[in-house]
Amino acid sequence: VLYGATGYTGQLVTDELVRRGATFTLAGRNPDKLAALATERGQGAPWRAVAADDRAGLRDLLADAAVVINCAGPFT
């Protein structure tokens, strides 16, 4: 699961995961941006919109994940 996928760093990681042929799910807060990223750069990867403060949603999102890559900011 790539969380924070629609930010600058998340998009770079998306590109690398696609380049490596990885199976992954894009995740973050904004469903419109996630859908666009999946189509434009993620080669149709599945996506899920879940807020970072939604504990139940995050548990559900990550329940079957073998790896989690967190690219959610803010970065300073």
N, C-alpha and C. Protein backbone atom coordinates (compact mmCIF):
# COMPACT_ATOMS: atom_id res chain seq x y z
N VAL A 1 0.85 -1.17 0.00
CA VAL A 1 0.00 0.00 0.00
C VAL A 1 0.90 1.24 0.00
N LEU A 2 0.67 2.12 -0.93
CA LEU A 2 1.39 3.39 -0.99
C LEU A 2 0.45 4.48 -0.49
N TYR A 3 0.67 4.95 0.75
CA TYR A 3 -0.18 5.99 1.33
C TYR A 3 0.47 7.35 1.10
N GLY A 4 -0.35 8.32 0.73
CA GLY A 4 0.18 9.63 0.36
C GLY A 4 0.61 9.64 -1.09
N ALA A 5 -0.05 8.83 -1.88
CA ALA A 5 0.36 8.59 -3.26
C ALA A 5 0.24 9.80 -4.17
N THR A 6 -0.64 10.73 -3.87
CA THR A 6 -0.87 11.83 -4.80
C THR A 6 0.06 13.02 -4.62
N GLY A 7 0.85 13.04 -3.58
CA GLY A 7 1.82 14.12 -3.39
C GLY A 7 3.03 13.93 -4.30
N TYR A 8 3.94 14.89 -4.24
CA TYR A 8 5.12 14.84 -5.10
C TYR A 8 5.91 13.55 -4.92
N THR A 9 6.26 13.24 -3.67
CA THR A 9 7.04 12.03 -3.40
C THR A 9 6.25 10.78 -3.73
N GLY A 10 4.97 10.77 -3.40
CA GLY A 10 4.12 9.62 -3.70
C GLY A 10 4.05 9.33 -5.20
N GLN A 11 4.02 10.37 -6.00
CA GLN A 11 3.99 10.17 -7.46
C GLN A 11 5.30 9.58 -7.96
N LEU A 12 6.42 10.03 -7.38
CA LEU A 12 7.72 9.45 -7.76
C LEU A 12 7.78 7.97 -7.38
N VAL A 13 7.28 7.64 -6.20
CA VAL A 13 7.27 6.25 -5.76
C VAL A 13 6.33 5.43 -6.64
N THR A 14 5.19 6.00 -7.02
CA THR A 14 4.27 5.31 -7.94
C THR A 14 4.99 4.95 -9.22
N ASP A 15 5.71 5.90 -9.79
CA ASP A 15 6.45 5.65 -11.02
C ASP A 15 7.44 4.50 -10.85
N GLU A 16 8.13 4.47 -9.71
CA GLU A 16 9.12 3.42 -9.46
C GLU A 16 8.46 2.06 -9.28
N LEU A 17 7.33 2.02 -8.58
CA LEU A 17 6.62 0.75 -8.40
C LEU A 17 6.13 0.21 -9.74
N VAL A 18 5.64 1.10 -10.59
CA VAL A 18 5.20 0.68 -11.93
C VAL A 18 6.41 0.16 -12.72
N ARG A 19 7.52 0.90 -12.66
CA ARG A 19 8.72 0.50 -13.40
C ARG A 19 9.18 -0.90 -13.00
N ARG A 20 9.04 -1.21 -11.71
CA ARG A 20 9.48 -2.51 -11.19
C ARG A 20 8.44 -3.61 -11.34
N GLY A 21 7.26 -3.26 -11.82
CA GLY A 21 6.22 -4.27 -12.02
C GLY A 21 5.57 -4.74 -10.73
N ALA A 22 5.62 -3.90 -9.70
CA ALA A 22 5.06 -4.27 -8.39
C ALA A 22 3.53 -4.25 -8.42
N THR A 23 2.97 -5.04 -7.55
CA THR A 23 1.52 -5.01 -7.31
C THR A 23 1.30 -4.14 -6.09
N PHE A 24 0.48 -3.10 -6.22
CA PHE A 24 0.30 -2.16 -5.12
C PHE A 24 -1.06 -1.49 -5.20
N THR A 25 -1.44 -0.89 -4.08
CA THR A 25 -2.66 -0.10 -3.98
C THR A 25 -2.28 1.32 -3.65
N LEU A 26 -2.82 2.27 -4.40
CA LEU A 26 -2.62 3.68 -4.12
C LEU A 26 -3.60 4.10 -3.05
N ALA A 27 -3.16 4.91 -2.11
CA ALA A 27 -4.05 5.36 -1.04
C ALA A 27 -3.71 6.79 -0.64
N GLY A 28 -4.72 7.45 -0.11
CA GLY A 28 -4.59 8.83 0.36
C GLY A 28 -5.96 9.39 0.67
N ARG A 29 -6.05 10.71 0.77
CA ARG A 29 -7.30 11.35 1.18
C ARG A 29 -8.25 11.67 0.05
N ASN A 30 -7.74 12.02 -1.11
CA ASN A 30 -8.56 12.60 -2.16
C ASN A 30 -8.90 11.58 -3.25
N PRO A 31 -10.18 11.16 -3.31
CA PRO A 31 -10.54 10.13 -4.31
C PRO A 31 -10.36 10.58 -5.75
N ASP A 32 -10.60 11.86 -6.04
CA ASP A 32 -10.44 12.34 -7.41
C ASP A 32 -8.98 12.28 -7.85
N LYS A 33 -8.08 12.72 -6.98
CA LYS A 33 -6.65 12.68 -7.30
C LYS A 33 -6.14 11.25 -7.40
N LEU A 34 -6.63 10.37 -6.54
CA LEU A 34 -6.21 8.96 -6.59
C LEU A 34 -6.65 8.30 -7.88
N ALA A 35 -7.89 8.55 -8.29
CA ALA A 35 -8.40 7.97 -9.54
C ALA A 35 -7.58 8.46 -10.73
N ALA A 36 -7.28 9.76 -10.75
CA ALA A 36 -6.48 10.31 -11.84
C ALA A 36 -5.07 9.72 -11.85
N LEU A 37 -4.45 9.60 -10.68
CA LEU A 37 -3.11 9.03 -10.59
C LEU A 37 -3.10 7.58 -11.06
N ALA A 38 -4.09 6.82 -10.65
CA ALA A 38 -4.17 5.41 -11.06
C ALA A 38 -4.25 5.30 -12.57
N THR A 39 -5.00 6.19 -13.19
CA THR A 39 -5.18 6.16 -14.64
C THR A 39 -3.95 6.69 -15.38
N GLU A 40 -3.42 7.83 -14.92
CA GLU A 40 -2.37 8.53 -15.65
C GLU A 40 -0.98 7.93 -15.45
N ARG A 41 -0.68 7.48 -14.23
CA ARG A 41 0.69 7.02 -13.94
C ARG A 41 0.74 5.65 -13.30
N GLY A 42 -0.37 5.20 -12.76
CA GLY A 42 -0.37 3.96 -11.99
C GLY A 42 -0.80 2.73 -12.76
N GLN A 43 -0.96 2.87 -14.06
CA GLN A 43 -1.36 1.75 -14.92
C GLN A 43 -2.59 1.03 -14.39
N GLY A 44 -3.56 1.81 -13.91
CA GLY A 44 -4.82 1.23 -13.46
C GLY A 44 -4.76 0.56 -12.10
N ALA A 45 -3.76 0.88 -11.30
CA ALA A 45 -3.63 0.28 -9.96
C ALA A 45 -4.89 0.56 -9.15
N PRO A 46 -5.29 -0.37 -8.29
CA PRO A 46 -6.43 -0.10 -7.41
C PRO A 46 -6.08 1.04 -6.46
N TRP A 47 -7.09 1.74 -6.00
CA TRP A 47 -6.86 2.84 -5.07
C TRP A 47 -7.96 2.88 -4.03
N ARG A 48 -7.63 3.48 -2.88
CA ARG A 48 -8.59 3.65 -1.78
C ARG A 48 -8.38 5.00 -1.14
N ALA A 49 -9.45 5.73 -0.93
CA ALA A 49 -9.39 7.01 -0.24
C ALA A 49 -9.71 6.79 1.23
N VAL A 50 -8.73 7.09 2.09
CA VAL A 50 -8.88 6.95 3.54
C VAL A 50 -8.09 8.09 4.19
N ALA A 51 -8.73 8.82 5.08
CA ALA A 51 -8.05 9.91 5.78
C ALA A 51 -7.05 9.34 6.79
N ALA A 52 -5.98 10.07 7.02
CA ALA A 52 -4.94 9.61 7.94
C ALA A 52 -5.43 9.50 9.38
N ASP A 53 -6.51 10.19 9.71
CA ASP A 53 -7.04 10.11 11.08
C ASP A 53 -8.24 9.16 11.20
N ASP A 54 -8.50 8.39 10.16
CA ASP A 54 -9.59 7.41 10.17
C ASP A 54 -9.02 6.05 10.59
N ARG A 55 -8.98 5.81 11.88
CA ARG A 55 -8.34 4.59 12.40
C ARG A 55 -8.97 3.32 11.84
N ALA A 56 -10.29 3.24 11.83
CA ALA A 56 -10.96 2.04 11.32
C ALA A 56 -10.70 1.87 9.83
N GLY A 57 -10.74 2.97 9.08
CA GLY A 57 -10.47 2.91 7.65
C GLY A 57 -9.05 2.47 7.35
N LEU A 58 -8.09 2.98 8.13
CA LEU A 58 -6.70 2.57 7.94
C LEU A 58 -6.49 1.11 8.30
N ARG A 59 -7.12 0.65 9.38
CA ARG A 59 -7.01 -0.77 9.74
C ARG A 59 -7.53 -1.64 8.60
N ASP A 60 -8.65 -1.25 8.02
CA ASP A 60 -9.23 -2.00 6.91
C ASP A 60 -8.31 -1.96 5.68
N LEU A 61 -7.79 -0.78 5.38
CA LEU A 61 -6.90 -0.61 4.23
C LEU A 61 -5.66 -1.48 4.36
N LEU A 62 -5.09 -1.53 5.56
CA LEU A 62 -3.80 -2.18 5.76
C LEU A 62 -3.90 -3.63 6.23
N ALA A 63 -5.10 -4.14 6.42
CA ALA A 63 -5.29 -5.48 6.98
C ALA A 63 -4.53 -6.57 6.23
N ASP A 64 -4.51 -6.51 4.93
CA ASP A 64 -3.86 -7.55 4.14
C ASP A 64 -2.56 -7.09 3.49
N ALA A 65 -2.07 -5.92 3.88
CA ALA A 65 -0.87 -5.37 3.25
C ALA A 65 0.38 -6.07 3.80
N ALA A 66 1.26 -6.46 2.89
CA ALA A 66 2.54 -7.02 3.29
C ALA A 66 3.54 -5.90 3.57
N VAL A 67 3.37 -4.76 2.87
CA VAL A 67 4.27 -3.62 3.01
C VAL A 67 3.45 -2.35 2.94
N VAL A 68 3.84 -1.35 3.73
CA VAL A 68 3.22 -0.03 3.67
C VAL A 68 4.33 0.99 3.40
N ILE A 69 4.14 1.80 2.39
CA ILE A 69 5.06 2.90 2.09
C ILE A 69 4.29 4.18 2.40
N ASN A 70 4.78 4.94 3.38
CA ASN A 70 4.11 6.17 3.77
C ASN A 70 4.81 7.37 3.17
N CYS A 71 4.12 8.05 2.27
CA CYS A 71 4.65 9.27 1.66
C CYS A 71 3.81 10.48 2.04
N ALA A 72 2.97 10.35 3.05
CA ALA A 72 2.13 11.47 3.48
C ALA A 72 2.98 12.49 4.21
N GLY A 73 2.77 13.75 3.92
CA GLY A 73 3.50 14.84 4.54
C GLY A 73 2.82 15.28 5.82
N PRO A 74 3.16 16.39 6.35
CA PRO A 74 3.98 17.42 5.70
C PRO A 74 5.47 17.15 5.88
N PHE A 75 6.21 17.65 4.92
CA PHE A 75 7.67 17.53 4.97
C PHE A 75 8.25 18.92 5.18
N THR A 76 9.30 19.00 5.93
CA THR A 76 9.97 20.30 6.12
C THR A 76 11.45 20.16 5.84
